[in-house]
N, C-alpha and C. Protein backbone atom coordinates (compact mmCIF):
# COMPACT_ATOMS: atom_id res chain seq x y z
N MET A 1 5.19 2.35 12.45
CA MET A 1 3.91 1.60 12.08
C MET A 1 2.91 0.66 11.88
N ALA A 2 2.51 -0.66 12.33
CA ALA A 2 1.76 -1.50 11.74
C ALA A 2 0.80 -1.66 11.52
N GLY A 3 0.31 -2.78 11.29
CA GLY A 3 -1.80 -2.78 11.29
C GLY A 3 -2.15 -2.71 10.71
N ILE A 4 -3.55 -2.64 10.54
CA ILE A 4 -4.78 -2.47 9.25
C ILE A 4 -5.29 -1.36 9.22
N PHE A 5 -4.67 -0.46 7.87
CA PHE A 5 -5.10 0.89 7.21
C PHE A 5 -5.89 0.82 6.22
N THR A 6 -6.62 -0.43 6.76
CA THR A 6 -7.89 0.18 5.40
C THR A 6 -8.83 -1.11 5.67
N LEU A 7 -9.94 -1.07 5.41
CA LEU A 7 -11.09 -2.36 4.62
C LEU A 7 -12.47 -1.86 3.86
N ALA A 8 -11.86 -2.97 2.64
CA ALA A 8 -12.74 -3.65 1.52
C ALA A 8 -14.60 -3.83 2.40
N VAL A 9 -14.72 -2.66 2.18
CA VAL A 9 -16.28 -3.46 2.59
C VAL A 9 -17.51 -3.54 1.26
N ASP A 10 -18.51 -4.56 1.31
CA ASP A 10 -19.36 -3.81 0.32
C ASP A 10 -20.67 -5.06 0.54
N GLY A 11 -21.39 -4.71 1.25
CA GLY A 11 -23.07 -4.23 1.83
C GLY A 11 -22.52 -5.10 2.86
N GLY A 12 -21.39 -4.89 3.72
CA GLY A 12 -21.85 -6.07 5.52
C GLY A 12 -20.51 -6.84 5.22
N TRP A 13 -20.48 -7.85 4.19
CA TRP A 13 -19.53 -8.43 3.86
C TRP A 13 -19.45 -9.49 2.81
N PRO A 14 -18.63 -9.83 2.50
CA PRO A 14 -17.67 -10.53 2.68
C PRO A 14 -16.50 -9.73 3.39
N VAL A 15 -16.13 -8.87 4.56
CA VAL A 15 -15.53 -7.73 4.73
C VAL A 15 -13.72 -8.33 4.04
N MET A 16 -12.64 -7.75 3.78
CA MET A 16 -10.99 -7.53 3.80
C MET A 16 -10.77 -6.06 4.74
N ALA A 17 -9.89 -7.08 5.28
CA ALA A 17 -8.47 -6.04 6.32
C ALA A 17 -7.52 -5.91 5.30
N LEU A 18 -6.58 -4.64 5.11
CA LEU A 18 -5.27 -4.61 4.71
C LEU A 18 -4.61 -3.63 5.45
N GLY A 19 -3.88 -3.69 5.01
CA GLY A 19 -2.41 -2.05 5.53
C GLY A 19 -0.62 -3.25 5.89
N GLY A 20 0.07 -2.93 6.69
CA GLY A 20 0.82 -3.59 6.33
C GLY A 20 2.04 -3.67 7.92
N ASP A 21 3.04 -2.81 7.50
CA ASP A 21 4.18 -2.00 8.55
C ASP A 21 4.61 -0.87 7.60
N LEU A 22 4.51 0.66 7.84
CA LEU A 22 4.78 1.42 7.02
C LEU A 22 6.56 1.70 7.00
N GLY A 23 7.33 0.71 8.17
CA GLY A 23 8.68 0.88 8.68
C GLY A 23 9.46 -0.37 6.94
N SER A 24 8.83 -0.44 6.34
CA SER A 24 9.09 -1.64 6.18
C SER A 24 8.26 -1.52 4.77
N ARG A 25 8.69 -0.58 3.20
CA ARG A 25 8.67 -0.51 1.95
C ARG A 25 9.61 -1.26 1.21
N GLU A 26 10.44 -2.54 1.18
CA GLU A 26 10.92 -2.76 0.53
C GLU A 26 10.81 -3.57 0.04
N ALA A 27 9.67 -4.52 0.93
CA ALA A 27 9.04 -5.43 0.60
C ALA A 27 8.17 -5.60 1.35
N VAL A 28 6.50 -6.93 0.42
CA VAL A 28 5.89 -7.30 0.57
C VAL A 28 5.82 -7.78 2.10
N VAL A 29 4.55 -7.08 2.71
CA VAL A 29 4.72 -8.00 4.35
C VAL A 29 3.61 -8.78 3.62
N GLU A 30 3.96 -10.38 4.76
CA GLU A 30 3.90 -12.03 4.64
C GLU A 30 1.49 -11.18 5.12
N ARG A 31 1.67 -10.57 6.04
CA ARG A 31 0.74 -10.99 6.30
C ARG A 31 -0.09 -10.03 6.29
N ASN A 32 -0.49 -9.10 5.22
CA ASN A 32 -0.80 -8.18 4.51
C ASN A 32 -2.67 -7.33 4.51
N ALA A 33 -3.12 -8.90 4.64
CA ALA A 33 -4.77 -9.28 4.26
C ALA A 33 -5.12 -9.94 4.96
N ALA A 34 -6.19 -9.73 5.43
CA ALA A 34 -7.40 -10.60 6.52
C ALA A 34 -8.85 -10.50 5.78
N VAL A 35 -9.60 -12.04 5.61
CA VAL A 35 -10.88 -11.66 5.10
C VAL A 35 -11.72 -12.23 6.17
N SER A 36 -13.10 -10.94 6.64
CA SER A 36 -14.60 -11.95 7.53
C SER A 36 -15.33 -12.01 6.93
N ALA A 37 -15.57 -13.30 6.56
CA ALA A 37 -17.23 -13.73 5.99
C ALA A 37 -18.14 -13.88 6.25
N ASP A 38 -18.22 -13.67 8.30
CA ASP A 38 -19.50 -13.85 9.30
C ASP A 38 -18.83 -12.13 10.17
N GLY A 39 -19.12 -10.89 9.01
CA GLY A 39 -18.84 -9.03 9.14
C GLY A 39 -18.46 -8.75 10.38
N GLY A 40 -17.41 -9.64 10.48
CA GLY A 40 -16.15 -8.94 11.77
C GLY A 40 -15.92 -9.38 13.22
N GLU A 41 -16.98 -10.99 13.05
CA GLU A 41 -16.60 -11.79 14.08
C GLU A 41 -15.98 -12.87 14.44
N SER A 42 -15.37 -13.29 13.36
CA SER A 42 -13.58 -14.41 12.54
C SER A 42 -13.12 -13.98 11.87
N TRP A 43 -11.95 -13.79 11.69
CA TRP A 43 -11.07 -13.40 10.71
C TRP A 43 -10.00 -14.79 10.18
N THR A 44 -9.69 -14.90 8.59
CA THR A 44 -9.14 -16.23 8.43
C THR A 44 -7.63 -15.21 7.81
N GLY A 45 -6.87 -15.34 7.27
CA GLY A 45 -5.38 -14.79 7.02
C GLY A 45 -5.82 -14.55 5.31
N ALA A 46 -5.92 -13.97 4.41
CA ALA A 46 -5.44 -13.92 3.00
C ALA A 46 -4.31 -14.33 2.43
N VAL A 47 -3.96 -14.13 1.46
CA VAL A 47 -2.93 -14.08 0.65
C VAL A 47 -2.45 -12.68 0.67
N ALA A 48 -1.17 -12.41 1.20
CA ALA A 48 -0.68 -11.11 0.72
C ALA A 48 -1.08 -10.29 -0.38
N ALA A 49 -1.34 -9.56 -0.69
CA ALA A 49 -1.52 -8.34 -1.23
C ALA A 49 0.40 -7.42 -2.23
N PRO A 50 0.03 -8.35 -3.24
CA PRO A 50 1.95 -7.67 -3.63
C PRO A 50 1.88 -6.74 -3.56
N ILE A 51 1.89 -5.98 -2.53
CA ILE A 51 2.16 -4.19 -3.28
C ILE A 51 3.06 -4.51 -1.84
N GLU A 52 4.60 -3.90 -1.68
CA GLU A 52 5.77 -3.78 -1.41
C GLU A 52 5.22 -2.90 -0.65
N GLY A 53 5.08 -2.90 0.90
CA GLY A 53 5.42 -1.89 2.68
C GLY A 53 3.97 -2.43 2.79
N SER A 54 2.54 -1.88 3.31
CA SER A 54 1.25 -1.65 3.42
C SER A 54 0.75 -0.94 2.44
N VAL A 55 -0.66 -1.78 1.74
CA VAL A 55 -1.48 -1.42 1.59
C VAL A 55 -2.03 -0.16 2.14
N TYR A 56 -2.23 1.32 1.50
CA TYR A 56 -3.11 2.35 2.81
C TYR A 56 -4.41 2.48 1.76
N GLY A 57 -4.80 1.86 0.86
CA GLY A 57 -6.50 2.45 0.23
C GLY A 57 -7.10 0.48 0.37
N SER A 58 -8.05 1.48 -0.06
CA SER A 58 -8.61 0.44 -1.16
C SER A 58 -10.46 0.64 -1.30
N ALA A 59 -10.40 -0.59 -1.71
CA ALA A 59 -12.57 -0.64 -2.12
C ALA A 59 -12.45 -2.05 -2.98
N VAL A 60 -13.94 -1.48 -3.56
CA VAL A 60 -15.70 -3.17 -3.57
C VAL A 60 -15.56 -2.41 -5.39
N GLY A 61 -15.06 -2.99 -6.33
CA GLY A 61 -15.73 -2.39 -7.95
C GLY A 61 -16.69 -4.02 -8.00
N GLY A 62 -16.10 -4.10 -9.43
CA GLY A 62 -17.16 -4.11 -10.61
C GLY A 62 -18.53 -4.26 -10.55
N ARG A 63 -18.67 -5.66 -11.33
CA ARG A 63 -20.45 -5.33 -11.70
C ARG A 63 -21.35 -6.21 -10.08
N THR A 64 -22.10 -5.73 -9.98
CA THR A 64 -22.36 -7.14 -9.34
C THR A 64 -22.22 -8.17 -9.32
N TRP A 65 -22.59 -8.52 -10.41
CA TRP A 65 -22.76 -10.59 -10.12
C TRP A 65 -20.29 -10.79 -9.86
N TYR A 66 -19.74 -9.62 -10.32
CA TYR A 66 -17.98 -10.00 -10.38
C TYR A 66 -17.70 -8.81 -9.84
N ARG A 67 -17.15 -8.85 -8.71
CA ARG A 67 -16.64 -8.09 -7.72
C ARG A 67 -15.59 -8.13 -7.51
N VAL A 68 -14.83 -7.22 -7.47
CA VAL A 68 -13.46 -7.10 -6.97
C VAL A 68 -12.60 -6.58 -6.32
N VAL A 69 -11.87 -6.98 -4.95
CA VAL A 69 -11.77 -5.14 -4.05
C VAL A 69 -10.03 -4.82 -5.18
N VAL A 70 -9.88 -4.00 -4.82
CA VAL A 70 -8.89 -3.70 -5.62
C VAL A 70 -7.64 -2.43 -4.52
N ALA A 71 -5.96 -2.44 -4.32
CA ALA A 71 -5.26 -2.41 -3.49
C ALA A 71 -4.83 -0.96 -3.84
N VAL A 72 -4.17 -0.89 -2.87
CA VAL A 72 -3.70 0.63 -3.72
C VAL A 72 -2.35 1.35 -2.81
N ALA A 73 -1.04 2.16 -2.55
CA ALA A 73 -0.62 2.46 -1.73
C ALA A 73 0.41 3.41 -2.81
N PRO A 74 1.48 3.32 -2.25
CA PRO A 74 2.27 4.69 -2.91
C PRO A 74 3.55 3.84 -4.02
N THR A 75 3.88 2.42 -3.47
CA THR A 75 4.90 1.31 -3.61
C THR A 75 3.61 0.88 -5.07
N GLY A 76 2.62 0.62 -5.56
CA GLY A 76 1.82 0.06 -6.46
C GLY A 76 0.44 -0.36 -5.76
N ALA A 77 0.16 -1.44 -6.96
CA ALA A 77 -1.72 -1.94 -6.43
C ALA A 77 -1.69 -3.10 -7.69
N ALA A 78 -3.58 -3.48 -6.77
CA ALA A 78 -2.88 -5.00 -7.91
C ALA A 78 -4.78 -5.09 -7.42
N PHE A 79 -5.24 -6.26 -7.70
CA PHE A 79 -6.40 -6.65 -7.70
C PHE A 79 -6.43 -8.03 -7.46
N SER A 80 -8.07 -8.13 -6.91
CA SER A 80 -8.35 -10.33 -6.09
C SER A 80 -9.85 -9.93 -6.87
N ASP A 81 -10.19 -10.73 -6.74
CA ASP A 81 -11.56 -10.99 -7.44
C ASP A 81 -12.50 -12.07 -6.80
N ASP A 82 -11.15 -13.04 -6.28
CA ASP A 82 -12.25 -13.68 -5.16
C ASP A 82 -11.66 -13.74 -3.71
N MET A 83 -11.01 -12.35 -3.26
CA MET A 83 -11.71 -12.16 -1.97
C MET A 83 -10.39 -12.69 -1.16
N GLY A 84 -9.05 -12.46 -2.05
CA GLY A 84 -7.79 -12.87 -1.41
C GLY A 84 -6.74 -14.15 -1.48
N ALA A 85 -7.73 -15.08 -2.26
CA ALA A 85 -7.33 -15.88 -2.36
C ALA A 85 -5.33 -16.63 -3.49
N THR A 86 -5.76 -14.92 -4.53
CA THR A 86 -5.38 -14.69 -5.14
C THR A 86 -5.25 -13.31 -6.05
N TRP A 87 -4.49 -12.67 -6.40
CA TRP A 87 -3.81 -11.19 -6.74
C TRP A 87 -2.88 -11.10 -8.36
N GLU A 88 -3.73 -9.56 -8.66
CA GLU A 88 -2.59 -9.59 -9.46
C GLU A 88 -2.52 -7.87 -9.76
N ALA A 89 -1.12 -7.49 -9.21
CA ALA A 89 -0.69 -6.60 -9.85
C ALA A 89 -1.27 -5.64 -11.21
N ILE A 90 -1.54 -4.76 -10.53
CA ILE A 90 -2.04 -3.61 -11.54
C ILE A 90 -0.46 -2.86 -12.03
N PRO A 91 0.32 -3.19 -13.51
CA PRO A 91 1.05 -2.69 -13.24
C PRO A 91 1.69 -1.09 -13.72
N ASP A 92 3.09 -0.25 -12.61
CA ASP A 92 2.41 0.93 -12.88
C ASP A 92 2.00 1.91 -12.75
N VAL A 93 1.03 1.95 -11.31
CA VAL A 93 0.12 2.50 -10.18
C VAL A 93 0.54 2.56 -9.36
N SER A 94 0.06 3.98 -8.83
CA SER A 94 0.29 3.45 -8.00
C SER A 94 0.05 4.80 -6.61
N ALA A 95 -0.43 5.01 -5.42
CA ALA A 95 -2.09 5.99 -5.24
C ALA A 95 -1.93 5.27 -4.10
N TRP A 96 -2.78 6.38 -2.79
CA TRP A 96 -2.45 6.91 -1.50
C TRP A 96 -4.34 6.56 -1.41
N ALA A 97 -5.39 6.15 -2.29
CA ALA A 97 -7.08 6.36 -1.88
C ALA A 97 -7.22 5.58 -3.17
N VAL A 98 -8.91 5.09 -3.00
CA VAL A 98 -9.75 4.07 -4.50
C VAL A 98 -10.97 4.61 -3.81
N GLU A 99 -12.01 4.34 -5.06
CA GLU A 99 -12.41 4.36 -4.29
C GLU A 99 -13.43 4.06 -4.88
N PHE A 100 -15.55 3.77 -5.80
CA PHE A 100 -15.52 3.63 -6.70
C PHE A 100 -16.94 4.35 -6.53
N ALA A 101 -17.50 4.81 -7.64
CA ALA A 101 -18.77 5.10 -7.52
C ALA A 101 -19.95 4.31 -7.50
N ASP A 102 -20.98 4.78 -6.81
CA ASP A 102 -22.50 3.97 -7.09
C ASP A 102 -22.21 2.60 -8.45
N GLY A 103 -22.64 1.78 -8.33
CA GLY A 103 -22.46 0.96 -9.36
C GLY A 103 -21.35 0.05 -9.26
N GLY A 104 -20.00 0.46 -8.60
CA GLY A 104 -18.84 -0.14 -8.49
C GLY A 104 -17.86 -0.19 -10.01
N ARG A 105 -18.64 1.06 -11.29
CA ARG A 105 -17.72 -0.08 -12.44
C ARG A 105 -17.11 0.87 -12.62
N VAL A 106 -17.24 2.36 -12.09
CA VAL A 106 -16.16 3.19 -12.72
C VAL A 106 -15.09 3.75 -10.76
N GLY A 107 -14.23 4.01 -11.24
CA GLY A 107 -13.52 4.64 -9.46
C GLY A 107 -12.56 5.37 -9.89
N TRP A 108 -11.91 6.32 -8.49
CA TRP A 108 -11.11 7.01 -8.88
C TRP A 108 -9.95 6.75 -8.01
N ALA A 109 -8.70 7.23 -8.13
CA ALA A 109 -7.44 6.34 -7.13
C ALA A 109 -6.95 7.77 -7.16
N ALA A 110 -6.42 8.22 -5.88
CA ALA A 110 -5.89 9.16 -5.79
C ALA A 110 -4.41 8.92 -5.54
N GLY A 111 -2.91 9.54 -6.27
CA GLY A 111 -1.59 9.35 -5.89
C GLY A 111 -1.86 10.53 -5.63
N GLY A 112 0.12 10.50 -6.19
CA GLY A 112 1.79 11.80 -5.00
C GLY A 112 1.17 12.93 -6.70
N GLY A 113 1.66 14.23 -6.82
CA GLY A 113 1.68 15.62 -6.95
C GLY A 113 -0.05 15.61 -7.15
N GLY A 114 -0.80 14.66 -6.95
CA GLY A 114 -2.76 15.59 -6.58
C GLY A 114 -2.76 14.93 -8.34
N ARG A 115 -1.69 13.81 -8.44
CA ARG A 115 -2.40 12.62 -9.76
C ARG A 115 -3.95 12.09 -9.11
N ILE A 116 -4.71 12.11 -9.78
CA ILE A 116 -6.22 11.59 -10.33
C ILE A 116 -6.18 10.86 -11.38
N LEU A 117 -6.13 8.80 -11.07
CA LEU A 117 -6.34 7.91 -12.24
C LEU A 117 -7.44 7.08 -12.48
N ARG A 118 -8.09 6.70 -13.23
CA ARG A 118 -9.93 5.94 -13.42
C ARG A 118 -9.46 4.75 -13.51
N VAL A 119 -10.46 4.17 -12.88
CA VAL A 119 -10.40 2.87 -12.50
C VAL A 119 -11.43 2.69 -13.19
N GLU A 120 -11.56 1.11 -13.96
CA GLU A 120 -12.99 1.23 -14.34
C GLU A 120 -13.78 -0.55 -15.10
N TRP A 121 -13.84 -1.51 -14.22
CA TRP A 121 -13.94 -2.69 -14.26
C TRP A 121 -15.67 -2.95 -14.73
């Protein structure tokens, strides 16, 4: 299975779609992220999130003037503060899903074995 697995949305747009190929867990999928600045009418490829295989979950967090997209998978996690123009890996983190509370400063990621990680920006 390959395609889009998660959408990172903040107030309607911009929107980032992330995914990959579930059959390819050993390498970063070249086109695992795309961005829409017009609510999904058109899409532009973003730099691939540095996560091997597929991105499983994503969320938008941060302060109101400083927004970040966090992407997670069982094989790793990364964040972008410029809508996918660049990414930075988050070391030693793996998760299935991530979400931020209202205000976007604090969130949680759910991982294997019932593990819950606190994410704070």
